[in-house]
Each structure stands twice: as C-alpha cells, then as structure tokens.
Amino acid sequence: YIDGILTSAYPAEGEIVSVSDGKMTVRINAYRTVSYAKKVTASVERNGKIISSVTLLPETDWEWSGTVRVSDGKQRLLVTAEFEDGTRLTKRVDYTVTGHPPFGRDFVDMPPTINW
C-alpha cells in the first residue's frame, strides 16, 4: 500500500540543467495505491515570484510531463498533484538553469575519438 508519492524525475533536486531556448520539460511521478491522479501542475518560482506555470499531461497512470519557461539561475519548481479521492500532494524542487551545456560548448562540439 502506497499512501502517496510525488517525485520530480526531471529536474532532480539540486540538478544543474542546460536550457538553450528558455523552455524546460518537466517530468513528474504522482502515485497513490487507492486513487489515480486527476491533475498535476508545475510552477517555476524565481526570487519569490511565479514566472511560469503549466498543467502537465499524463504519460502513464503515474507519469506526467509538460514544458515550462525558465531563465538562467537558481529556481524552484512547485508541483501539486490532485487525486480522484480529494488527496492533494505538493513538492518543492530546487535546481539551477544554465544557458549552456554544463561541460562547456567545446566539450560538446568535439568529434568523438578513440584512444588505443
């Protein structure tokens, strides 16, 4: 029996995410043994203000996803899942957005090499 689980598959807590176009896909898992999730929402908070919100779409019975607008810097994802029996779960996830790949563009653009 699982009373309720609400987790962020992406972004994860403390994760540094690379976003070049100002849009980030959010992936949330919301599950309870006794009731299905009927609505999952995600909002991006920066400096105490909501800058983007979305109602996520179900991928499976417990996986939900959607796209939010983000900007560079530290942010917080506020997630709410509402279940058919009236239960409501909330989660906060702190993460950082960078407009470039975490290892730098030179690392990403390098051709693959094999060293024998």
N, C-alpha and C. Protein backbone atom coordinates (compact mmCIF):
# COMPACT_ATOMS: atom_id res chain seq x y z
N TYR A 1 0.85 -1.18 0.00
CA TYR A 1 0.00 0.00 0.00
C TYR A 1 0.89 1.24 0.00
N ILE A 2 0.67 2.11 -0.96
CA ILE A 2 1.43 3.36 -1.04
C ILE A 2 0.45 4.51 -0.85
N ASP A 3 0.62 5.23 0.27
CA ASP A 3 -0.29 6.32 0.61
C ASP A 3 -0.17 7.48 -0.36
N GLY A 4 1.04 7.77 -0.84
CA GLY A 4 1.21 8.84 -1.81
C GLY A 4 2.67 9.15 -2.06
N ILE A 5 3.02 9.20 -3.35
CA ILE A 5 4.37 9.56 -3.75
C ILE A 5 4.29 10.64 -4.81
N LEU A 6 5.07 11.69 -4.64
CA LEU A 6 5.18 12.75 -5.62
C LEU A 6 6.66 13.06 -5.78
N THR A 7 7.23 12.71 -6.94
CA THR A 7 8.65 12.91 -7.17
C THR A 7 8.87 13.65 -8.48
N SER A 8 9.99 14.36 -8.54
CA SER A 8 10.38 15.03 -9.77
C SER A 8 11.47 14.20 -10.42
N ALA A 9 11.13 13.58 -11.57
CA ALA A 9 12.14 12.83 -12.31
C ALA A 9 13.07 13.79 -13.05
N TYR A 10 12.53 14.94 -13.47
CA TYR A 10 13.34 15.97 -14.12
C TYR A 10 12.65 17.31 -13.97
N PRO A 11 13.30 18.28 -13.41
CA PRO A 11 14.65 18.26 -12.87
C PRO A 11 14.68 17.60 -11.50
N ALA A 12 15.82 17.04 -11.17
CA ALA A 12 16.01 16.45 -9.85
C ALA A 12 16.46 17.54 -8.87
N GLU A 13 16.28 17.29 -7.60
CA GLU A 13 16.71 18.22 -6.56
C GLU A 13 18.20 18.51 -6.71
N GLY A 14 18.57 19.79 -6.77
CA GLY A 14 19.96 20.22 -6.84
C GLY A 14 20.58 20.10 -8.22
N GLU A 15 19.84 19.67 -9.20
CA GLU A 15 20.39 19.46 -10.54
C GLU A 15 20.70 20.78 -11.25
N ILE A 16 21.75 20.76 -12.06
CA ILE A 16 22.07 21.87 -12.95
C ILE A 16 21.63 21.45 -14.34
N VAL A 17 20.65 22.16 -14.90
CA VAL A 17 20.10 21.79 -16.20
C VAL A 17 20.52 22.80 -17.25
N SER A 18 20.80 22.30 -18.44
CA SER A 18 21.19 23.15 -19.56
C SER A 18 19.98 23.39 -20.44
N VAL A 19 19.63 24.67 -20.60
CA VAL A 19 18.46 25.06 -21.40
C VAL A 19 18.88 26.19 -22.32
N SER A 20 18.83 25.95 -23.62
CA SER A 20 19.29 26.98 -24.56
C SER A 20 18.15 27.85 -25.11
N ASP A 21 16.91 27.36 -25.05
CA ASP A 21 15.80 28.09 -25.66
C ASP A 21 14.79 28.65 -24.66
N GLY A 22 15.10 28.58 -23.36
CA GLY A 22 14.20 29.13 -22.34
C GLY A 22 13.03 28.22 -22.00
N LYS A 23 13.02 26.99 -22.52
CA LYS A 23 11.94 26.04 -22.24
C LYS A 23 12.54 24.77 -21.66
N MET A 24 11.88 24.24 -20.63
CA MET A 24 12.36 23.03 -19.98
C MET A 24 11.21 22.05 -19.82
N THR A 25 11.44 20.80 -20.19
CA THR A 25 10.45 19.75 -19.99
C THR A 25 10.53 19.28 -18.54
N VAL A 26 9.38 19.21 -17.91
CA VAL A 26 9.25 18.75 -16.53
C VAL A 26 8.67 17.34 -16.56
N ARG A 27 9.22 16.44 -15.77
CA ARG A 27 8.70 15.07 -15.67
C ARG A 27 8.43 14.76 -14.20
N ILE A 28 7.19 14.45 -13.89
CA ILE A 28 6.75 14.23 -12.51
C ILE A 28 6.10 12.86 -12.39
N ASN A 29 6.37 12.17 -11.27
CA ASN A 29 5.71 10.91 -10.95
C ASN A 29 4.78 11.15 -9.76
N ALA A 30 3.49 10.86 -9.94
CA ALA A 30 2.49 11.04 -8.89
C ALA A 30 1.72 9.73 -8.76
N TYR A 31 1.77 9.12 -7.56
CA TYR A 31 1.15 7.81 -7.40
C TYR A 31 0.57 7.62 -6.01
N ARG A 32 -0.61 7.01 -5.98
CA ARG A 32 -1.23 6.53 -4.75
C ARG A 32 -1.89 5.20 -5.07
N THR A 33 -1.80 4.23 -4.19
CA THR A 33 -2.39 2.92 -4.43
C THR A 33 -3.91 3.01 -4.56
N VAL A 34 -4.55 3.85 -3.76
CA VAL A 34 -6.02 3.85 -3.68
C VAL A 34 -6.71 4.84 -4.62
N SER A 35 -5.96 5.68 -5.35
CA SER A 35 -6.60 6.70 -6.18
C SER A 35 -5.66 7.18 -7.27
N TYR A 36 -6.20 7.41 -8.45
CA TYR A 36 -5.41 7.94 -9.57
C TYR A 36 -5.28 9.45 -9.46
N ALA A 37 -4.17 9.98 -9.95
CA ALA A 37 -4.00 11.43 -10.06
C ALA A 37 -4.93 11.92 -11.17
N LYS A 38 -5.62 13.02 -10.92
CA LYS A 38 -6.50 13.57 -11.96
C LYS A 38 -5.93 14.86 -12.55
N LYS A 39 -5.02 15.51 -11.81
CA LYS A 39 -4.42 16.75 -12.30
C LYS A 39 -3.08 16.96 -11.61
N VAL A 40 -2.06 17.31 -12.41
CA VAL A 40 -0.74 17.63 -11.86
C VAL A 40 -0.30 18.95 -12.49
N THR A 41 0.10 19.89 -11.64
CA THR A 41 0.55 21.20 -12.12
C THR A 41 1.97 21.46 -11.65
N ALA A 42 2.68 22.28 -12.42
CA ALA A 42 4.05 22.67 -12.05
C ALA A 42 4.21 24.16 -12.29
N SER A 43 4.83 24.83 -11.34
CA SER A 43 5.10 26.27 -11.46
C SER A 43 6.58 26.50 -11.18
N VAL A 44 7.16 27.45 -11.90
CA VAL A 44 8.55 27.84 -11.69
C VAL A 44 8.56 29.12 -10.87
N GLU A 45 9.29 29.08 -9.74
CA GLU A 45 9.41 30.23 -8.86
C GLU A 45 10.85 30.72 -8.87
N ARG A 46 11.00 32.01 -9.05
CA ARG A 46 12.33 32.62 -9.01
C ARG A 46 12.23 33.90 -8.20
N ASN A 47 13.10 34.03 -7.20
CA ASN A 47 13.11 35.20 -6.32
C ASN A 47 11.73 35.46 -5.71
N GLY A 48 11.02 34.38 -5.36
CA GLY A 48 9.73 34.50 -4.70
C GLY A 48 8.56 34.80 -5.62
N LYS A 49 8.77 34.84 -6.94
CA LYS A 49 7.69 35.13 -7.88
C LYS A 49 7.52 33.98 -8.86
N ILE A 50 6.26 33.66 -9.16
CA ILE A 50 5.96 32.62 -10.15
C ILE A 50 6.21 33.21 -11.54
N ILE A 51 7.08 32.55 -12.32
CA ILE A 51 7.39 33.07 -13.66
C ILE A 51 6.79 32.21 -14.76
N SER A 52 6.33 31.00 -14.42
CA SER A 52 5.75 30.11 -15.42
C SER A 52 4.96 29.02 -14.72
N SER A 53 3.82 28.63 -15.31
CA SER A 53 3.02 27.53 -14.76
C SER A 53 2.46 26.70 -15.91
N VAL A 54 2.24 25.42 -15.63
CA VAL A 54 1.68 24.53 -16.65
C VAL A 54 0.91 23.40 -15.96
N THR A 55 -0.18 22.98 -16.61
CA THR A 55 -0.86 21.76 -16.22
C THR A 55 -0.23 20.65 -17.03
N LEU A 56 0.32 19.66 -16.34
CA LEU A 56 1.04 18.58 -17.02
C LEU A 56 0.06 17.59 -17.65
N LEU A 57 0.55 16.88 -18.66
CA LEU A 57 -0.25 15.88 -19.35
C LEU A 57 0.20 14.49 -18.91
N PRO A 58 -0.75 13.55 -18.76
CA PRO A 58 -0.37 12.20 -18.33
C PRO A 58 0.35 11.43 -19.44
N GLU A 59 1.44 10.76 -19.07
CA GLU A 59 2.16 9.87 -19.98
C GLU A 59 1.74 8.43 -19.71
N THR A 60 1.55 8.10 -18.41
CA THR A 60 1.05 6.80 -17.96
C THR A 60 0.12 7.09 -16.79
N ASP A 61 -0.25 6.05 -16.03
CA ASP A 61 -1.11 6.27 -14.86
C ASP A 61 -0.45 7.12 -13.79
N TRP A 62 0.90 7.17 -13.77
CA TRP A 62 1.59 7.92 -12.71
C TRP A 62 2.63 8.90 -13.24
N GLU A 63 2.97 8.87 -14.52
CA GLU A 63 3.97 9.78 -15.08
C GLU A 63 3.28 10.93 -15.81
N TRP A 64 3.74 12.15 -15.53
CA TRP A 64 3.17 13.36 -16.12
C TRP A 64 4.30 14.23 -16.65
N SER A 65 4.04 14.98 -17.73
CA SER A 65 5.09 15.87 -18.26
C SER A 65 4.47 17.11 -18.91
N GLY A 66 5.31 18.11 -19.05
CA GLY A 66 4.91 19.37 -19.68
C GLY A 66 6.12 20.28 -19.80
N THR A 67 5.93 21.42 -20.43
CA THR A 67 7.02 22.36 -20.67
C THR A 67 6.76 23.67 -19.94
N VAL A 68 7.78 24.16 -19.24
CA VAL A 68 7.70 25.45 -18.55
C VAL A 68 8.76 26.39 -19.09
N ARG A 69 8.53 27.68 -18.95
CA ARG A 69 9.53 28.68 -19.30
C ARG A 69 10.47 28.87 -18.11
N VAL A 70 11.75 28.98 -18.41
CA VAL A 70 12.76 29.18 -17.36
C VAL A 70 13.77 30.22 -17.83
N SER A 71 14.56 30.71 -16.91
CA SER A 71 15.67 31.61 -17.23
C SER A 71 16.88 31.15 -16.44
N ASP A 72 18.04 31.68 -16.77
CA ASP A 72 19.27 31.28 -16.08
C ASP A 72 19.19 31.59 -14.59
N GLY A 73 19.80 30.71 -13.80
CA GLY A 73 19.92 30.95 -12.37
C GLY A 73 19.19 29.92 -11.53
N LYS A 74 19.23 30.14 -10.21
CA LYS A 74 18.58 29.24 -9.26
C LYS A 74 17.07 29.46 -9.30
N GLN A 75 16.35 28.34 -9.29
CA GLN A 75 14.90 28.39 -9.34
C GLN A 75 14.31 27.28 -8.50
N ARG A 76 13.01 27.34 -8.30
CA ARG A 76 12.29 26.31 -7.55
C ARG A 76 11.09 25.87 -8.37
N LEU A 77 10.91 24.57 -8.46
CA LEU A 77 9.74 24.01 -9.11
C LEU A 77 8.74 23.65 -8.02
N LEU A 78 7.52 24.16 -8.13
CA LEU A 78 6.45 23.86 -7.18
C LEU A 78 5.47 22.94 -7.89
N VAL A 79 5.30 21.73 -7.38
CA VAL A 79 4.46 20.74 -8.03
C VAL A 79 3.29 20.39 -7.11
N THR A 80 2.10 20.28 -7.70
CA THR A 80 0.91 19.87 -6.97
C THR A 80 0.21 18.77 -7.75
N ALA A 81 -0.13 17.69 -7.06
CA ALA A 81 -0.90 16.60 -7.67
C ALA A 81 -2.22 16.48 -6.92
N GLU A 82 -3.31 16.46 -7.68
CA GLU A 82 -4.64 16.27 -7.11
C GLU A 82 -5.14 14.90 -7.54
N PHE A 83 -5.65 14.12 -6.57
CA PHE A 83 -6.10 12.76 -6.83
C PHE A 83 -7.62 12.68 -6.81
N GLU A 84 -8.15 11.64 -7.43
CA GLU A 84 -9.60 11.48 -7.55
C GLU A 84 -10.33 11.44 -6.21
N ASP A 85 -9.66 10.97 -5.15
CA ASP A 85 -10.31 10.90 -3.83
C ASP A 85 -10.19 12.19 -3.03
N GLY A 86 -9.65 13.26 -3.66
CA GLY A 86 -9.54 14.55 -2.99
C GLY A 86 -8.19 14.81 -2.34
N THR A 87 -7.33 13.81 -2.28
CA THR A 87 -6.00 13.98 -1.70
C THR A 87 -5.18 14.92 -2.58
N ARG A 88 -4.38 15.75 -1.93
CA ARG A 88 -3.51 16.69 -2.64
C ARG A 88 -2.10 16.56 -2.07
N LEU A 89 -1.13 16.35 -2.97
CA LEU A 89 0.28 16.27 -2.57
C LEU A 89 1.03 17.42 -3.21
N THR A 90 2.03 17.95 -2.48
CA THR A 90 2.86 19.04 -3.02
C THR A 90 4.33 18.69 -2.85
N LYS A 91 5.14 19.26 -3.73
CA LYS A 91 6.59 19.02 -3.70
C LYS A 91 7.30 20.28 -4.17
N ARG A 92 8.45 20.56 -3.57
CA ARG A 92 9.32 21.66 -3.99
C ARG A 92 10.66 21.08 -4.42
N VAL A 93 11.14 21.54 -5.56
CA VAL A 93 12.41 21.05 -6.09
C VAL A 93 13.27 22.26 -6.46
N ASP A 94 14.42 22.39 -5.82
CA ASP A 94 15.35 23.47 -6.13
C ASP A 94 16.37 22.98 -7.16
N TYR A 95 16.61 23.79 -8.19
CA TYR A 95 17.54 23.42 -9.26
C TYR A 95 18.12 24.70 -9.84
N THR A 96 19.10 24.57 -10.72
CA THR A 96 19.74 25.72 -11.36
C THR A 96 19.71 25.53 -12.87
N VAL A 97 19.38 26.60 -13.58
CA VAL A 97 19.36 26.58 -15.04
C VAL A 97 20.56 27.34 -15.56
N THR A 98 21.22 26.75 -16.56
CA THR A 98 22.31 27.42 -17.25
C THR A 98 21.98 27.40 -18.74
N GLY A 99 22.35 28.45 -19.45
CA GLY A 99 22.05 28.57 -20.87
C GLY A 99 23.05 27.87 -21.76
N HIS A 100 23.98 27.16 -21.16
CA HIS A 100 24.99 26.47 -21.95
C HIS A 100 25.21 25.07 -21.38
N PRO A 101 25.75 24.15 -22.16
CA PRO A 101 25.99 22.80 -21.63
C PRO A 101 26.88 22.84 -20.40
N PRO A 102 26.65 21.95 -19.43
CA PRO A 102 27.41 22.00 -18.18
C PRO A 102 28.91 21.81 -18.34
N PHE A 103 29.38 21.19 -19.43
CA PHE A 103 30.80 20.98 -19.62
C PHE A 103 31.41 22.00 -20.58
N GLY A 104 30.62 22.95 -21.04
CA GLY A 104 31.11 23.95 -21.99
C GLY A 104 30.90 23.50 -23.42
N ARG A 105 30.69 24.43 -24.30
CA ARG A 105 30.38 24.13 -25.69
C ARG A 105 31.50 23.36 -26.38
N ASP A 106 32.77 23.66 -26.08
CA ASP A 106 33.87 22.97 -26.74
C ASP A 106 33.81 21.46 -26.48
N PHE A 107 33.43 21.09 -25.27
CA PHE A 107 33.35 19.68 -24.93
C PHE A 107 32.27 18.99 -25.77
N VAL A 108 31.12 19.64 -25.94
CA VAL A 108 30.00 19.05 -26.66
C VAL A 108 30.28 18.98 -28.14
N ASP A 109 30.96 19.98 -28.72
CA ASP A 109 31.18 20.03 -30.16
C ASP A 109 32.38 19.21 -30.64
N MET A 110 33.15 18.67 -29.73
CA MET A 110 34.33 17.90 -30.12
C MET A 110 33.90 16.62 -30.82
N PRO A 111 34.58 16.24 -31.91
CA PRO A 111 34.25 14.96 -32.55
C PRO A 111 34.68 13.82 -31.65
N PRO A 112 33.96 12.69 -31.73
CA PRO A 112 34.37 11.54 -30.90
C PRO A 112 35.69 10.96 -31.35
N THR A 113 36.49 10.57 -30.39
CA THR A 113 37.79 9.96 -30.71
C THR A 113 37.95 8.70 -29.89
N ILE A 114 38.74 7.79 -30.42
CA ILE A 114 39.05 6.56 -29.69
C ILE A 114 40.55 6.53 -29.46
N ASN A 115 40.94 6.36 -28.22
CA ASN A 115 42.36 6.24 -27.87
C ASN A 115 42.68 4.79 -27.59
N TRP A 116 43.63 4.24 -28.34
CA TRP A 116 44.02 2.84 -28.15
C TRP A 116 45.23 2.76 -27.30
